[in-house]
Amino acid sequence: MRFGFALVWAVLLVLNASSISPLTAVLLVIYPLFDVAAAVVDLRSSRATATGAAAGPYATVALGALAAIGLAVAVTSGVPAVLRVWGVWAVVAGGVQLAVALRRRGLGGRWAMIASGSLSVLAGASFVVMASSATGSLAGIAGYALLGGVFFLVSALRLGRDAGRS
């Protein structure tokens, strides 16, 4: 589901990435809110609360909510502000994702999450740097989201395969 959402979202953002229109603003704010919803589903479906590993998903919920608020404000200031907010969110959320994946690596299928979290940190830093350049564009965010969707798809497929072996 996350892959399908990321694919549709990325296409819509690329088609509208030339400026911050009302549709672009909605797309930018809705993405972290979808991330919040996915983290809530993760909390409900995993044994994270029983094993004490719930801090990561709760942090994801808080970070996603803050990112949505930050992006709602940033869209009124232009592309550089959006890139900065998105970049900071990607760095912090990627770090949380990486920490959660490392703690859960015994559950299987977490290598994609480890790679995704690591790449998120690097991509986020590049968005912050890109915000200061004249070539800063929202299209890079679309590629980042699509790649993240691919990592979630790989992780879900591996988890499903690993669960079938148990």
C-alpha atoms as a PDB file:
ATOM      1  CA  MET A   1       0.000   0.000   0.000  1.00  0.00           C
ATOM      2  CA  ARG A   2       2.815   2.394   0.850  1.00  0.00           C
ATOM      3  CA  PHE A   3       4.457   1.676  -2.491  1.00  0.00           C
ATOM      4  CA  GLY A   4       1.230   2.388  -4.405  1.00  0.00           C
ATOM      5  CA  PHE A   5       0.687   5.603  -2.489  1.00  0.00           C
ATOM      6  CA  ALA A   6       4.305   6.706  -3.061  1.00  0.00           C
ATOM      7  CA  LEU A   7       4.051   5.929  -6.784  1.00  0.00           C
ATOM      8  CA  VAL A   8       0.848   7.925  -7.325  1.00  0.00           C
ATOM      9  CA  TRP A   9       2.054  10.726  -5.046  1.00  0.00           C
ATOM     10  CA  ALA A  10       5.422  11.002  -6.814  1.00  0.00           C
ATOM     11  CA  VAL A  11       3.817  11.153 -10.267  1.00  0.00           C
ATOM     12  CA  LEU A  12       1.406  13.860  -9.134  1.00  0.00           C
ATOM     13  CA  LEU A  13       4.216  15.859  -7.523  1.00  0.00           C
ATOM     14  CA  VAL A  14       6.466  15.638 -10.594  1.00  0.00           C
ATOM     15  CA  LEU A  15       3.609  16.791 -12.808  1.00  0.00           C
ATOM     16  CA  ASN A  16       3.093  19.801 -10.525  1.00  0.00           C
ATOM     17  CA  ALA A  17       6.652  20.430  -9.258  1.00  0.00           C
ATOM     18  CA  SER A  18       7.313  23.609 -11.228  1.00  0.00           C
ATOM     19  CA  SER A  19       5.722  25.754  -8.526  1.00  0.00           C
ATOM     20  CA  ILE A  20       3.873  25.496  -5.266  1.00  0.00           C
ATOM     21  CA  SER A  21       0.241  25.418  -6.291  1.00  0.00           C
ATOM     22  CA  PRO A  22      -2.647  24.512  -3.983  1.00  0.00           C
ATOM     23  CA  LEU A  23      -2.427  20.896  -5.248  1.00  0.00           C
ATOM     24  CA  THR A  24       1.333  20.775  -4.641  1.00  0.00           C
ATOM     25  CA  ALA A  25       0.836  22.180  -1.146  1.00  0.00           C
ATOM     26  CA  VAL A  26      -1.742  19.503  -0.354  1.00  0.00           C
ATOM     27  CA  LEU A  27       0.539  16.785  -1.719  1.00  0.00           C
ATOM     28  CA  LEU A  28       3.466  18.013   0.376  1.00  0.00           C
ATOM     29  CA  VAL A  29       1.413  18.091   3.582  1.00  0.00           C
ATOM     30  CA  ILE A  30      -0.405  14.810   2.973  1.00  0.00           C
ATOM     31  CA  TYR A  31       2.759  12.721   2.537  1.00  0.00           C
ATOM     32  CA  PRO A  32       3.954  12.961   6.163  1.00  0.00           C
ATOM     33  CA  LEU A  33       0.365  12.439   7.331  1.00  0.00           C
ATOM     34  CA  PHE A  34       0.293   9.163   5.373  1.00  0.00           C
ATOM     35  CA  ASP A  35       3.555   8.279   7.111  1.00  0.00           C
ATOM     36  CA  VAL A  36       1.845   8.950  10.448  1.00  0.00           C
ATOM     37  CA  ALA A  37      -1.040   6.647   9.496  1.00  0.00           C
ATOM     38  CA  ALA A  38       1.396   3.906   8.452  1.00  0.00           C
ATOM     39  CA  ALA A  39       3.237   4.187  11.776  1.00  0.00           C
ATOM     40  CA  VAL A  40      -0.070   3.869  13.651  1.00  0.00           C
ATOM     41  CA  VAL A  41      -0.869   0.728  11.653  1.00  0.00           C
ATOM     42  CA  ASP A  42       2.625  -0.571  12.464  1.00  0.00           C
ATOM     43  CA  LEU A  43       2.044   0.038  16.155  1.00  0.00           C
ATOM     44  CA  ARG A  44      -1.282  -1.775  16.072  1.00  0.00           C
ATOM     45  CA  SER A  45      -0.088  -4.727  14.014  1.00  0.00           C
ATOM     46  CA  SER A  46       3.316  -5.339  15.583  1.00  0.00           C
ATOM     47  CA  ARG A  47       4.284  -6.504  18.974  1.00  0.00           C
ATOM     48  CA  ALA A  48       6.233  -3.290  19.444  1.00  0.00           C
ATOM     49  CA  THR A  49       4.294  -2.264  22.523  1.00  0.00           C
ATOM     50  CA  ALA A  50       4.688  -5.706  24.074  1.00  0.00           C
ATOM     51  CA  THR A  51       8.424  -5.851  23.386  1.00  0.00           C
ATOM     52  CA  GLY A  52       9.141  -2.270  24.411  1.00  0.00           C
ATOM     53  CA  ALA A  53      10.181  -1.281  20.867  1.00  0.00           C
ATOM     54  CA  ALA A  54       7.339   1.220  20.453  1.00  0.00           C
ATOM     55  CA  ALA A  55       9.528   4.295  20.833  1.00  0.00           C
ATOM     56  CA  GLY A  56      10.465   4.291  17.130  1.00  0.00           C
ATOM     57  CA  PRO A  57       6.930   4.204  15.727  1.00  0.00           C
ATOM     58  CA  TYR A  58       5.785   6.776  18.290  1.00  0.00           C
ATOM     59  CA  ALA A  59       8.687   9.002  17.253  1.00  0.00           C
ATOM     60  CA  THR A  60       7.649   8.507  13.613  1.00  0.00           C
ATOM     61  CA  VAL A  61       4.110   9.640  14.480  1.00  0.00           C
ATOM     62  CA  ALA A  62       5.384  12.747  16.260  1.00  0.00           C
ATOM     63  CA  LEU A  63       7.912  13.591  13.530  1.00  0.00           C
ATOM     64  CA  GLY A  64       5.349  13.112  10.757  1.00  0.00           C
ATOM     65  CA  ALA A  65       2.868  15.382  12.502  1.00  0.00           C
ATOM     66  CA  LEU A  66       5.546  18.038  13.031  1.00  0.00           C
ATOM     67  CA  ALA A  67       6.662  17.700   9.399  1.00  0.00           C
ATOM     68  CA  ALA A  68       3.090  18.177   8.162  1.00  0.00           C
ATOM     69  CA  ILE A  69       2.766  21.337  10.250  1.00  0.00           C
ATOM     70  CA  GLY A  70       6.196  22.571   9.142  1.00  0.00           C
ATOM     71  CA  LEU A  71       5.397  21.909   5.491  1.00  0.00           C
ATOM     72  CA  ALA A  72       2.030  23.658   5.785  1.00  0.00           C
ATOM     73  CA  VAL A  73       3.947  26.748   6.893  1.00  0.00           C
ATOM     74  CA  ALA A  74       6.857  26.264   4.463  1.00  0.00           C
ATOM     75  CA  VAL A  75       4.673  26.089   1.339  1.00  0.00           C
ATOM     76  CA  THR A  76       3.792  29.738   1.924  1.00  0.00           C
ATOM     77  CA  SER A  77       7.495  30.689   1.735  1.00  0.00           C
ATOM     78  CA  GLY A  78       8.548  28.825  -1.395  1.00  0.00           C
ATOM     79  CA  VAL A  79      10.533  25.857  -2.618  1.00  0.00           C
ATOM     80  CA  PRO A  80      13.704  26.503  -0.540  1.00  0.00           C
ATOM     81  CA  ALA A  81      11.698  26.492   2.690  1.00  0.00           C
ATOM     82  CA  VAL A  82       9.946  23.283   1.660  1.00  0.00           C
ATOM     83  CA  LEU A  83      13.280  21.640   0.844  1.00  0.00           C
ATOM     84  CA  ARG A  84      14.692  22.642   4.230  1.00  0.00           C
ATOM     85  CA  VAL A  85      11.712  21.300   6.189  1.00  0.00           C
ATOM     86  CA  TRP A  86      11.529  18.125   4.099  1.00  0.00           C
ATOM     87  CA  GLY A  87      15.287  17.657   4.446  1.00  0.00           C
ATOM     88  CA  VAL A  88      15.312  17.993   8.225  1.00  0.00           C
ATOM     89  CA  TRP A  89      12.342  15.615   8.445  1.00  0.00           C
ATOM     90  CA  ALA A  90      14.091  13.086   6.185  1.00  0.00           C
ATOM     91  CA  VAL A  91      17.292  13.200   8.255  1.00  0.00           C
ATOM     92  CA  VAL A  92      15.557  12.753  11.600  1.00  0.00           C
ATOM     93  CA  ALA A  93      12.929  10.257  10.391  1.00  0.00           C
ATOM     94  CA  GLY A  94      15.604   8.282   8.541  1.00  0.00           C
ATOM     95  CA  GLY A  95      17.647   8.097  11.725  1.00  0.00           C
ATOM     96  CA  VAL A  96      14.618   6.826  13.652  1.00  0.00           C
ATOM     97  CA  GLN A  97      13.817   4.296  10.910  1.00  0.00           C
ATOM     98  CA  LEU A  98      17.415   3.092  10.956  1.00  0.00           C
ATOM     99  CA  ALA A  99      17.372   2.693  14.741  1.00  0.00           C
ATOM    100  CA  VAL A 100      14.060   0.773  14.668  1.00  0.00           C
ATOM    101  CA  ALA A 101      15.271  -1.483  11.854  1.00  0.00           C
ATOM    102  CA  LEU A 102      18.478  -2.274  13.718  1.00  0.00           C
ATOM    103  CA  ARG A 103      16.528  -3.121  16.886  1.00  0.00           C
ATOM    104  CA  ARG A 104      14.131  -5.364  14.928  1.00  0.00           C
ATOM    105  CA  ARG A 105      16.647  -6.953  12.567  1.00  0.00           C
ATOM    106  CA  GLY A 106      16.046 -10.354  14.160  1.00  0.00           C
ATOM    107  CA  LEU A 107      12.477 -10.270  12.844  1.00  0.00           C
ATOM    108  CA  GLY A 108      13.701 -10.559   9.243  1.00  0.00           C
ATOM    109  CA  GLY A 109      13.139  -8.325   6.251  1.00  0.00           C
ATOM    110  CA  ARG A 110      14.763  -5.316   7.899  1.00  0.00           C
ATOM    111  CA  TRP A 111      17.732  -4.836   5.592  1.00  0.00           C
ATOM    112  CA  ALA A 112      15.562  -2.796   3.252  1.00  0.00           C
ATOM    113  CA  MET A 113      14.584  -0.592   6.211  1.00  0.00           C
ATOM    114  CA  ILE A 114      18.228  -0.198   7.201  1.00  0.00           C
ATOM    115  CA  ALA A 115      19.142   0.851   3.665  1.00  0.00           C
ATOM    116  CA  SER A 116      16.097   3.123   3.431  1.00  0.00           C
ATOM    117  CA  GLY A 117      16.836   4.847   6.736  1.00  0.00           C
ATOM    118  CA  SER A 118      20.458   5.394   5.747  1.00  0.00           C
ATOM    119  CA  LEU A 119      19.521   6.792   2.347  1.00  0.00           C
ATOM    120  CA  SER A 120      16.878   9.003   3.953  1.00  0.00           C
ATOM    121  CA  VAL A 121      19.515  10.630   6.135  1.00  0.00           C
ATOM    122  CA  LEU A 122      21.743  11.274   3.119  1.00  0.00           C
ATOM    123  CA  ALA A 123      18.877  12.495   0.909  1.00  0.00           C
ATOM    124  CA  GLY A 124      17.596  14.773   3.657  1.00  0.00           C
ATOM    125  CA  ALA A 125      20.990  16.383   4.000  1.00  0.00           C
ATOM    126  CA  SER A 126      21.101  16.892   0.235  1.00  0.00           C
ATOM    127  CA  PHE A 127      17.664  18.579   0.292  1.00  0.00           C
ATOM    128  CA  VAL A 128      18.889  21.019   2.934  1.00  0.00           C
ATOM    129  CA  VAL A 129      21.948  21.809   0.798  1.00  0.00           C
ATOM    130  CA  MET A 130      19.789  22.012  -2.358  1.00  0.00           C
ATOM    131  CA  ALA A 131      17.588  24.616  -0.648  1.00  0.00           C
ATOM    132  CA  SER A 132      20.482  27.073  -0.831  1.00  0.00           C
ATOM    133  CA  SER A 133      21.142  26.541  -4.528  1.00  0.00           C
ATOM    134  CA  ALA A 134      19.421  28.074  -7.503  1.00  0.00           C
ATOM    135  CA  THR A 135      18.605  24.607  -8.844  1.00  0.00           C
ATOM    136  CA  GLY A 136      16.489  23.498  -5.875  1.00  0.00           C
ATOM    137  CA  SER A 137      13.464  21.577  -7.104  1.00  0.00           C
ATOM    138  CA  LEU A 138      10.544  19.641  -5.688  1.00  0.00           C
ATOM    139  CA  ALA A 139      11.110  16.880  -8.265  1.00  0.00           C
ATOM    140  CA  GLY A 140      13.891  15.423  -6.115  1.00  0.00           C
ATOM    141  CA  ILE A 141      11.418  14.934  -3.296  1.00  0.00           C
ATOM    142  CA  ALA A 142       9.241  12.864  -5.630  1.00  0.00           C
ATOM    143  CA  GLY A 143      12.155  10.574  -6.455  1.00  0.00           C
ATOM    144  CA  TYR A 144      12.998  10.256  -2.777  1.00  0.00           C
ATOM    145  CA  ALA A 145       9.414   9.286  -1.932  1.00  0.00           C
ATOM    146  CA  LEU A 146       9.232   6.763  -4.753  1.00  0.00           C
ATOM    147  CA  LEU A 147      12.503   5.128  -3.706  1.00  0.00           C
ATOM    148  CA  GLY A 148      11.205   4.984  -0.137  1.00  0.00           C
ATOM    149  CA  GLY A 149       8.067   3.266  -1.421  1.00  0.00           C
ATOM    150  CA  VAL A 150      10.220   0.678  -3.204  1.00  0.00           C
ATOM    151  CA  PHE A 151      12.095  -0.020   0.033  1.00  0.00           C
ATOM    152  CA  PHE A 152       8.820  -0.471   1.905  1.00  0.00           C
ATOM    153  CA  LEU A 153       7.608  -2.859  -0.815  1.00  0.00           C
ATOM    154  CA  VAL A 154      10.806  -4.922  -0.602  1.00  0.00           C
ATOM    155  CA  SER A 155      10.585  -4.969   3.190  1.00  0.00           C
ATOM    156  CA  ALA A 156       6.936  -6.074   3.129  1.00  0.00           C
ATOM    157  CA  LEU A 157       7.660  -8.825   0.602  1.00  0.00           C
ATOM    158  CA  ARG A 158      10.609 -10.079   2.657  1.00  0.00           C
ATOM    159  CA  LEU A 159       8.612  -9.976   5.886  1.00  0.00           C
ATOM    160  CA  GLY A 160       5.824 -11.940   4.211  1.00  0.00           C
ATOM    161  CA  ARG A 161       8.282 -14.511   2.910  1.00  0.00           C
ATOM    162  CA  ASP A 162      10.080 -14.774   6.260  1.00  0.00           C
ATOM    163  CA  ALA A 163       6.755 -15.135   8.104  1.00  0.00           C
ATOM    164  CA  GLY A 164       5.824 -18.009   5.778  1.00  0.00           C
ATOM    165  CA  ARG A 165       8.936 -19.903   6.906  1.00  0.00           C
ATOM    166  CA  SER A 166       8.022 -19.718  10.591  1.00  0.00           C
END
